[in-house]
C-alpha atoms as a PDB file:
ATOM      1  CA  UNK A   1       0.000   0.000   0.000  1.00  0.00           C
ATOM      2  CA  UNK A   2       2.795   2.414   0.924  1.00  0.00           C
ATOM      3  CA  UNK A   3       4.537   1.699  -2.381  1.00  0.00           C
ATOM      4  CA  UNK A   4       1.345   2.380  -4.329  1.00  0.00           C
ATOM      5  CA  UNK A   5       0.797   5.681  -2.527  1.00  0.00           C
ATOM      6  CA  UNK A   6       4.356   6.807  -3.238  1.00  0.00           C
ATOM      7  CA  UNK A   7       4.005   5.825  -6.890  1.00  0.00           C
ATOM      8  CA  UNK A   8       0.781   7.797  -7.193  1.00  0.00           C
ATOM      9  CA  UNK A   9       2.431  10.851  -5.652  1.00  0.00           C
ATOM     10  CA  UNK A  10       5.251  10.597  -8.149  1.00  0.00           C
ATOM     11  CA  UNK A  11       2.898  10.329 -11.099  1.00  0.00           C
ATOM     12  CA  UNK A  12       0.816  13.304  -9.998  1.00  0.00           C
ATOM     13  CA  UNK A  13       3.714  15.512  -8.945  1.00  0.00           C
ATOM     14  CA  UNK A  14       4.091  16.980 -12.414  1.00  0.00           C
ATOM     15  CA  UNK A  15       0.565  18.393 -12.306  1.00  0.00           C
ATOM     16  CA  UNK A  16       1.078  20.569  -9.234  1.00  0.00           C
ATOM     17  CA  UNK A  17       3.915  22.561 -10.780  1.00  0.00           C
ATOM     18  CA  UNK A  18       2.398  23.457 -14.143  1.00  0.00           C
ATOM     19  CA  UNK A  19       0.212  26.381 -15.158  1.00  0.00           C
ATOM     20  CA  UNK A  20      -2.234  26.793 -17.999  1.00  0.00           C
ATOM     21  CA  UNK A  21      -1.183  28.359 -21.287  1.00  0.00           C
ATOM     22  CA  UNK A  22      -4.376  27.471 -23.133  1.00  0.00           C
ATOM     23  CA  UNK A  23      -5.896  25.067 -25.613  1.00  0.00           C
ATOM     24  CA  UNK A  24      -5.259  24.628 -29.315  1.00  0.00           C
ATOM     25  CA  UNK A  25      -7.386  22.834 -31.890  1.00  0.00           C
ATOM     26  CA  UNK A  26      -4.761  21.220 -34.065  1.00  0.00           C
ATOM     27  CA  UNK A  27      -4.114  18.624 -36.707  1.00  0.00           C
ATOM     28  CA  UNK A  28      -1.515  15.921 -36.294  1.00  0.00           C
ATOM     29  CA  UNK A  29       1.512  15.747 -38.568  1.00  0.00           C
ATOM     30  CA  UNK A  30       3.517  13.183 -40.514  1.00  0.00           C
ATOM     31  CA  UNK A  31       7.294  13.189 -40.388  1.00  0.00           C
ATOM     32  CA  UNK A  32       8.858  14.992 -43.351  1.00  0.00           C
ATOM     33  CA  UNK A  33      12.060  13.914 -45.078  1.00  0.00           C
ATOM     34  CA  UNK A  34      13.967  16.846 -43.602  1.00  0.00           C
ATOM     35  CA  UNK A  35      13.085  15.873 -40.043  1.00  0.00           C
ATOM     36  CA  UNK A  36      15.089  13.551 -37.822  1.00  0.00           C
ATOM     37  CA  UNK A  37      14.641   9.893 -38.743  1.00  0.00           C
ATOM     38  CA  UNK A  38      14.321   9.130 -35.021  1.00  0.00           C
ATOM     39  CA  UNK A  39      10.851  10.670 -34.989  1.00  0.00           C
ATOM     40  CA  UNK A  40       7.887   8.344 -35.164  1.00  0.00           C
ATOM     41  CA  UNK A  41       6.172   8.456 -38.550  1.00  0.00           C
ATOM     42  CA  UNK A  42       2.503   9.476 -38.700  1.00  0.00           C
ATOM     43  CA  UNK A  43       0.462  11.084 -35.934  1.00  0.00           C
ATOM     44  CA  UNK A  44       3.046  13.496 -34.523  1.00  0.00           C
ATOM     45  CA  UNK A  45       1.592  15.844 -31.905  1.00  0.00           C
ATOM     46  CA  UNK A  46       2.721  19.458 -31.673  1.00  0.00           C
ATOM     47  CA  UNK A  47       1.530  22.845 -30.425  1.00  0.00           C
ATOM     48  CA  UNK A  48       3.643  24.621 -33.066  1.00  0.00           C
ATOM     49  CA  UNK A  49       2.147  25.943 -36.291  1.00  0.00           C
ATOM     50  CA  UNK A  50       5.464  25.055 -37.893  1.00  0.00           C
ATOM     51  CA  UNK A  51       4.262  21.463 -37.659  1.00  0.00           C
ATOM     52  CA  UNK A  52       0.462  21.495 -37.542  1.00  0.00           C
ATOM     53  CA  UNK A  53      -2.539  23.493 -38.737  1.00  0.00           C
ATOM     54  CA  UNK A  54      -4.493  25.352 -36.054  1.00  0.00           C
ATOM     55  CA  UNK A  55      -8.122  26.437 -35.835  1.00  0.00           C
ATOM     56  CA  UNK A  56      -8.273  30.163 -34.928  1.00  0.00           C
ATOM     57  CA  UNK A  57     -10.306  31.601 -32.074  1.00  0.00           C
ATOM     58  CA  UNK A  58     -11.685  34.490 -34.145  1.00  0.00           C
ATOM     59  CA  UNK A  59     -12.483  35.063 -37.831  1.00  0.00           C
ATOM     60  CA  UNK A  60      -9.473  37.347 -38.203  1.00  0.00           C
ATOM     61  CA  UNK A  61      -7.198  34.429 -37.385  1.00  0.00           C
ATOM     62  CA  UNK A  62      -4.903  36.415 -35.123  1.00  0.00           C
ATOM     63  CA  UNK A  63      -5.414  34.228 -32.067  1.00  0.00           C
ATOM     64  CA  UNK A  64      -5.390  30.436 -32.006  1.00  0.00           C
ATOM     65  CA  UNK A  65      -5.237  29.988 -28.224  1.00  0.00           C
ATOM     66  CA  UNK A  66      -8.524  29.051 -26.560  1.00  0.00           C
ATOM     67  CA  UNK A  67      -8.933  29.979 -22.905  1.00  0.00           C
ATOM     68  CA  UNK A  68     -10.662  26.776 -21.814  1.00  0.00           C
ATOM     69  CA  UNK A  69     -11.396  23.245 -22.977  1.00  0.00           C
ATOM     70  CA  UNK A  70     -15.108  23.863 -23.575  1.00  0.00           C
ATOM     71  CA  UNK A  71     -14.489  26.677 -26.069  1.00  0.00           C
ATOM     72  CA  UNK A  72     -11.877  24.547 -27.808  1.00  0.00           C
ATOM     73  CA  UNK A  73     -14.152  21.506 -28.005  1.00  0.00           C
ATOM     74  CA  UNK A  74     -16.946  23.636 -29.532  1.00  0.00           C
ATOM     75  CA  UNK A  75     -14.510  25.021 -32.128  1.00  0.00           C
ATOM     76  CA  UNK A  76     -13.333  21.472 -32.816  1.00  0.00           C
ATOM     77  CA  UNK A  77     -16.908  20.372 -33.478  1.00  0.00           C
ATOM     78  CA  UNK A  78     -17.782  23.387 -35.625  1.00  0.00           C
ATOM     79  CA  UNK A  79     -14.629  23.107 -37.720  1.00  0.00           C
ATOM     80  CA  UNK A  80     -16.019  19.975 -39.362  1.00  0.00           C
ATOM     81  CA  UNK A  81     -12.585  18.733 -40.343  1.00  0.00           C
ATOM     82  CA  UNK A  82     -11.247  15.218 -39.814  1.00  0.00           C
ATOM     83  CA  UNK A  83      -8.045  14.654 -37.904  1.00  0.00           C
ATOM     84  CA  UNK A  84      -8.373  17.544 -35.450  1.00  0.00           C
ATOM     85  CA  UNK A  85      -7.858  17.195 -31.720  1.00  0.00           C
ATOM     86  CA  UNK A  86      -8.015  19.533 -28.736  1.00  0.00           C
ATOM     87  CA  UNK A  87      -4.574  20.009 -27.252  1.00  0.00           C
ATOM     88  CA  UNK A  88      -4.082  21.414 -23.756  1.00  0.00           C
ATOM     89  CA  UNK A  89      -0.775  23.209 -23.132  1.00  0.00           C
ATOM     90  CA  UNK A  90       0.921  24.089 -19.860  1.00  0.00           C
ATOM     91  CA  UNK A  91       4.341  25.316 -18.721  1.00  0.00           C
ATOM     92  CA  UNK A  92       6.210  24.646 -15.506  1.00  0.00           C
ATOM     93  CA  UNK A  93       5.716  27.534 -13.105  1.00  0.00           C
ATOM     94  CA  UNK A  94       9.491  27.910 -12.880  1.00  0.00           C
ATOM     95  CA  UNK A  95       9.675  28.490 -16.646  1.00  0.00           C
ATOM     96  CA  UNK A  96       6.838  31.019 -16.852  1.00  0.00           C
ATOM     97  CA  UNK A  97       8.909  34.176 -16.132  1.00  0.00           C
ATOM     98  CA  UNK A  98      11.274  33.361 -18.989  1.00  0.00           C
ATOM     99  CA  UNK A  99       8.447  32.500 -21.364  1.00  0.00           C
ATOM    100  CA  UNK A 100       6.652  35.738 -20.449  1.00  0.00           C
ATOM    101  CA  UNK A 101       9.851  37.723 -21.037  1.00  0.00           C
ATOM    102  CA  UNK A 102      10.155  36.289 -24.551  1.00  0.00           C
ATOM    103  CA  UNK A 103       6.480  37.005 -25.217  1.00  0.00           C
ATOM    104  CA  UNK A 104       6.862  40.592 -23.976  1.00  0.00           C
ATOM    105  CA  UNK A 105       9.847  41.095 -26.303  1.00  0.00           C
ATOM    106  CA  UNK A 106       7.548  40.024 -29.136  1.00  0.00           C
ATOM    107  CA  UNK A 107       4.982  42.689 -28.220  1.00  0.00           C
ATOM    108  CA  UNK A 108       2.155  40.269 -27.371  1.00  0.00           C
ATOM    109  CA  UNK A 109      -1.010  41.882 -25.996  1.00  0.00           C
ATOM    110  CA  UNK A 110      -1.348  41.135 -22.265  1.00  0.00           C
ATOM    111  CA  UNK A 111      -5.039  41.992 -21.963  1.00  0.00           C
ATOM    112  CA  UNK A 112      -7.458  39.828 -19.998  1.00  0.00           C
ATOM    113  CA  UNK A 113      -7.980  36.452 -21.603  1.00  0.00           C
ATOM    114  CA  UNK A 114      -4.718  36.497 -23.543  1.00  0.00           C
ATOM    115  CA  UNK A 115      -2.095  33.764 -23.297  1.00  0.00           C
ATOM    116  CA  UNK A 116       0.384  35.888 -21.294  1.00  0.00           C
ATOM    117  CA  UNK A 117      -2.380  36.943 -18.898  1.00  0.00           C
ATOM    118  CA  UNK A 118      -3.264  33.288 -18.299  1.00  0.00           C
ATOM    119  CA  UNK A 119       0.348  32.360 -17.678  1.00  0.00           C
ATOM    120  CA  UNK A 120       0.791  35.261 -15.268  1.00  0.00           C
ATOM    121  CA  UNK A 121      -2.396  34.247 -13.437  1.00  0.00           C
ATOM    122  CA  UNK A 122      -0.937  30.825 -12.731  1.00  0.00           C
ATOM    123  CA  UNK A 123      -4.011  28.626 -13.103  1.00  0.00           C
ATOM    124  CA  UNK A 124      -3.190  25.016 -12.343  1.00  0.00           C
ATOM    125  CA  UNK A 125      -2.702  22.671 -15.291  1.00  0.00           C
ATOM    126  CA  UNK A 126      -3.775  20.133 -16.409  1.00  0.00           C
ATOM    127  CA  UNK A 127      -7.487  20.246 -15.714  1.00  0.00           C
ATOM    128  CA  UNK A 128      -9.294  17.025 -14.697  1.00  0.00           C
ATOM    129  CA  UNK A 129     -10.038  14.718 -17.599  1.00  0.00           C
ATOM    130  CA  UNK A 130      -7.124  15.708 -19.799  1.00  0.00           C
ATOM    131  CA  UNK A 131      -5.062  12.730 -20.975  1.00  0.00           C
ATOM    132  CA  UNK A 132      -1.360  13.447 -20.606  1.00  0.00           C
ATOM    133  CA  UNK A 133       0.538  12.971 -23.867  1.00  0.00           C
ATOM    134  CA  UNK A 134       4.053  14.113 -23.008  1.00  0.00           C
ATOM    135  CA  UNK A 135       6.401  17.066 -23.296  1.00  0.00           C
ATOM    136  CA  UNK A 136       7.421  19.127 -26.315  1.00  0.00           C
ATOM    137  CA  UNK A 137      10.470  21.401 -26.421  1.00  0.00           C
ATOM    138  CA  UNK A 138       9.279  24.773 -27.699  1.00  0.00           C
ATOM    139  CA  UNK A 139      10.386  28.384 -27.898  1.00  0.00           C
ATOM    140  CA  UNK A 140       8.730  31.678 -28.781  1.00  0.00           C
ATOM    141  CA  UNK A 141       9.867  33.858 -31.666  1.00  0.00           C
ATOM    142  CA  UNK A 142       8.238  36.807 -33.445  1.00  0.00           C
ATOM    143  CA  UNK A 143       4.662  35.945 -32.560  1.00  0.00           C
ATOM    144  CA  UNK A 144       4.921  32.196 -33.143  1.00  0.00           C
ATOM    145  CA  UNK A 145       6.154  29.018 -31.509  1.00  0.00           C
ATOM    146  CA  UNK A 146       8.924  26.832 -32.813  1.00  0.00           C
ATOM    147  CA  UNK A 147       9.411  23.223 -31.784  1.00  0.00           C
ATOM    148  CA  UNK A 148      12.682  21.329 -31.574  1.00  0.00           C
ATOM    149  CA  UNK A 149      11.423  19.024 -34.339  1.00  0.00           C
ATOM    150  CA  UNK A 150      10.971  21.847 -36.871  1.00  0.00           C
ATOM    151  CA  UNK A 151      14.569  23.107 -36.744  1.00  0.00           C
ATOM    152  CA  UNK A 152      16.851  20.680 -38.535  1.00  0.00           C
ATOM    153  CA  UNK A 153      19.317  18.668 -36.484  1.00  0.00           C
ATOM    154  CA  UNK A 154      18.086  19.553 -32.989  1.00  0.00           C
ATOM    155  CA  UNK A 155      16.516  16.186 -32.203  1.00  0.00           C
ATOM    156  CA  UNK A 156      19.725  14.380 -33.149  1.00  0.00           C
ATOM    157  CA  UNK A 157      21.894  16.893 -31.275  1.00  0.00           C
ATOM    158  CA  UNK A 158      19.850  16.516 -28.088  1.00  0.00           C
ATOM    159  CA  UNK A 159      19.943  12.744 -28.328  1.00  0.00           C
ATOM    160  CA  UNK A 160      23.699  12.699 -28.824  1.00  0.00           C
ATOM    161  CA  UNK A 161      24.399  15.135 -25.966  1.00  0.00           C
ATOM    162  CA  UNK A 162      21.857  14.020 -23.372  1.00  0.00           C
ATOM    163  CA  UNK A 163      20.464  10.667 -24.473  1.00  0.00           C
ATOM    164  CA  UNK A 164      16.954  12.178 -24.482  1.00  0.00           C
ATOM    165  CA  UNK A 165      14.820  11.384 -27.497  1.00  0.00           C
ATOM    166  CA  UNK A 166      11.154  11.649 -28.458  1.00  0.00           C
ATOM    167  CA  UNK A 167       8.836   8.721 -27.902  1.00  0.00           C
ATOM    168  CA  UNK A 168       5.167   8.233 -28.793  1.00  0.00           C
ATOM    169  CA  UNK A 169       3.637  11.078 -30.826  1.00  0.00           C
ATOM    170  CA  UNK A 170       7.107  12.662 -31.099  1.00  0.00           C
ATOM    171  CA  UNK A 171       6.982  13.762 -27.450  1.00  0.00           C
ATOM    172  CA  UNK A 172       9.299  13.204 -24.493  1.00  0.00           C
ATOM    173  CA  UNK A 173       7.578  11.101 -21.868  1.00  0.00           C
ATOM    174  CA  UNK A 174       9.666  11.844 -18.774  1.00  0.00           C
ATOM    175  CA  UNK A 175       9.411  15.318 -17.238  1.00  0.00           C
ATOM    176  CA  UNK A 176      12.963  15.491 -15.928  1.00  0.00           C
ATOM    177  CA  UNK A 177      14.358  14.316 -19.262  1.00  0.00           C
ATOM    178  CA  UNK A 178      12.330  16.999 -21.042  1.00  0.00           C
ATOM    179  CA  UNK A 179      13.467  19.770 -18.722  1.00  0.00           C
ATOM    180  CA  UNK A 180      17.086  18.641 -18.930  1.00  0.00           C
ATOM    181  CA  UNK A 181      16.905  18.584 -22.734  1.00  0.00           C
ATOM    182  CA  UNK A 182      15.312  22.049 -22.843  1.00  0.00           C
ATOM    183  CA  UNK A 183      18.074  23.457 -20.635  1.00  0.00           C
ATOM    184  CA  UNK A 184      20.761  21.855 -22.766  1.00  0.00           C
ATOM    185  CA  UNK A 185      19.218  23.297 -25.931  1.00  0.00           C
ATOM    186  CA  UNK A 186      19.085  26.751 -24.362  1.00  0.00           C
ATOM    187  CA  UNK A 187      22.710  26.540 -23.226  1.00  0.00           C
ATOM    188  CA  UNK A 188      23.872  25.178 -26.591  1.00  0.00           C
ATOM    189  CA  UNK A 189      22.535  28.105 -28.609  1.00  0.00           C
ATOM    190  CA  UNK A 190      21.695  25.740 -31.473  1.00  0.00           C
ATOM    191  CA  UNK A 191      18.255  27.314 -31.923  1.00  0.00           C
ATOM    192  CA  UNK A 192      19.811  30.690 -32.799  1.00  0.00           C
ATOM    193  CA  UNK A 193      18.537  32.852 -34.438  1.00  0.00           C
ATOM    194  CA  UNK A 194      14.986  31.504 -34.140  1.00  0.00           C
ATOM    195  CA  UNK A 195      14.875  30.433 -30.488  1.00  0.00           C
ATOM    196  CA  UNK A 196      17.221  31.360 -27.655  1.00  0.00           C
ATOM    197  CA  UNK A 197      15.220  30.041 -24.712  1.00  0.00           C
ATOM    198  CA  UNK A 198      13.605  26.586 -24.768  1.00  0.00           C
ATOM    199  CA  UNK A 199      10.955  25.233 -22.419  1.00  0.00           C
ATOM    200  CA  UNK A 200       9.302  21.852 -21.987  1.00  0.00           C
ATOM    201  CA  UNK A 201       5.572  22.288 -22.636  1.00  0.00           C
ATOM    202  CA  UNK A 202       3.278  19.686 -21.107  1.00  0.00           C
ATOM    203  CA  UNK A 203       0.670  18.577 -23.663  1.00  0.00           C
ATOM    204  CA  UNK A 204      -2.634  16.860 -22.938  1.00  0.00           C
ATOM    205  CA  UNK A 205      -5.394  15.522 -25.161  1.00  0.00           C
ATOM    206  CA  UNK A 206      -8.594  17.201 -24.017  1.00  0.00           C
ATOM    207  CA  UNK A 207     -10.995  15.710 -26.553  1.00  0.00           C
ATOM    208  CA  UNK A 208     -11.090  12.620 -28.706  1.00  0.00           C
ATOM    209  CA  UNK A 209      -9.876  13.223 -32.262  1.00  0.00           C
ATOM    210  CA  UNK A 210     -11.987  12.382 -35.311  1.00  0.00           C
END
């Protein structure tokens, strides 16, 4: 019994230290020839529009971050497109100041309901019912998000230097591995000039895909 309790604490520990960024209605992606051969083939999951197509929040298409799962699920249903899923995104509380600094440098609006306002508010993530998928190494640049799988050679470089590599859906499954890989990428400067600071985003599946 004691062992089971300790195991449960370990599995849930990741949830207490993460805050909500928002929800994205996204496609999945297939690995392209220019991407690392170590990536799984079809069905790659990503929060980055470098990799996937996103359903916007408004008709103008300027915002593709939904504030909550219900709004995202409704958009998913109204989109009427196969292959979409609702992706929840959170960042470790310790990483939020750096992420917010990068966002501020990009001139992102910090009004109520915006992604930076949600991060600053520190709402706990993930919400009940979200199925944890894994961690993606991402960085902010000029209004968009890059992923380590969209910049050539980064997946292989991380694997060679740290032993960390993506698993199912192209995501890192272990939190500490993901955070260690993000720190190594930041220190290496290999994302320059697109990304200088990398963070491990926790991704969850909030609604069943078509």
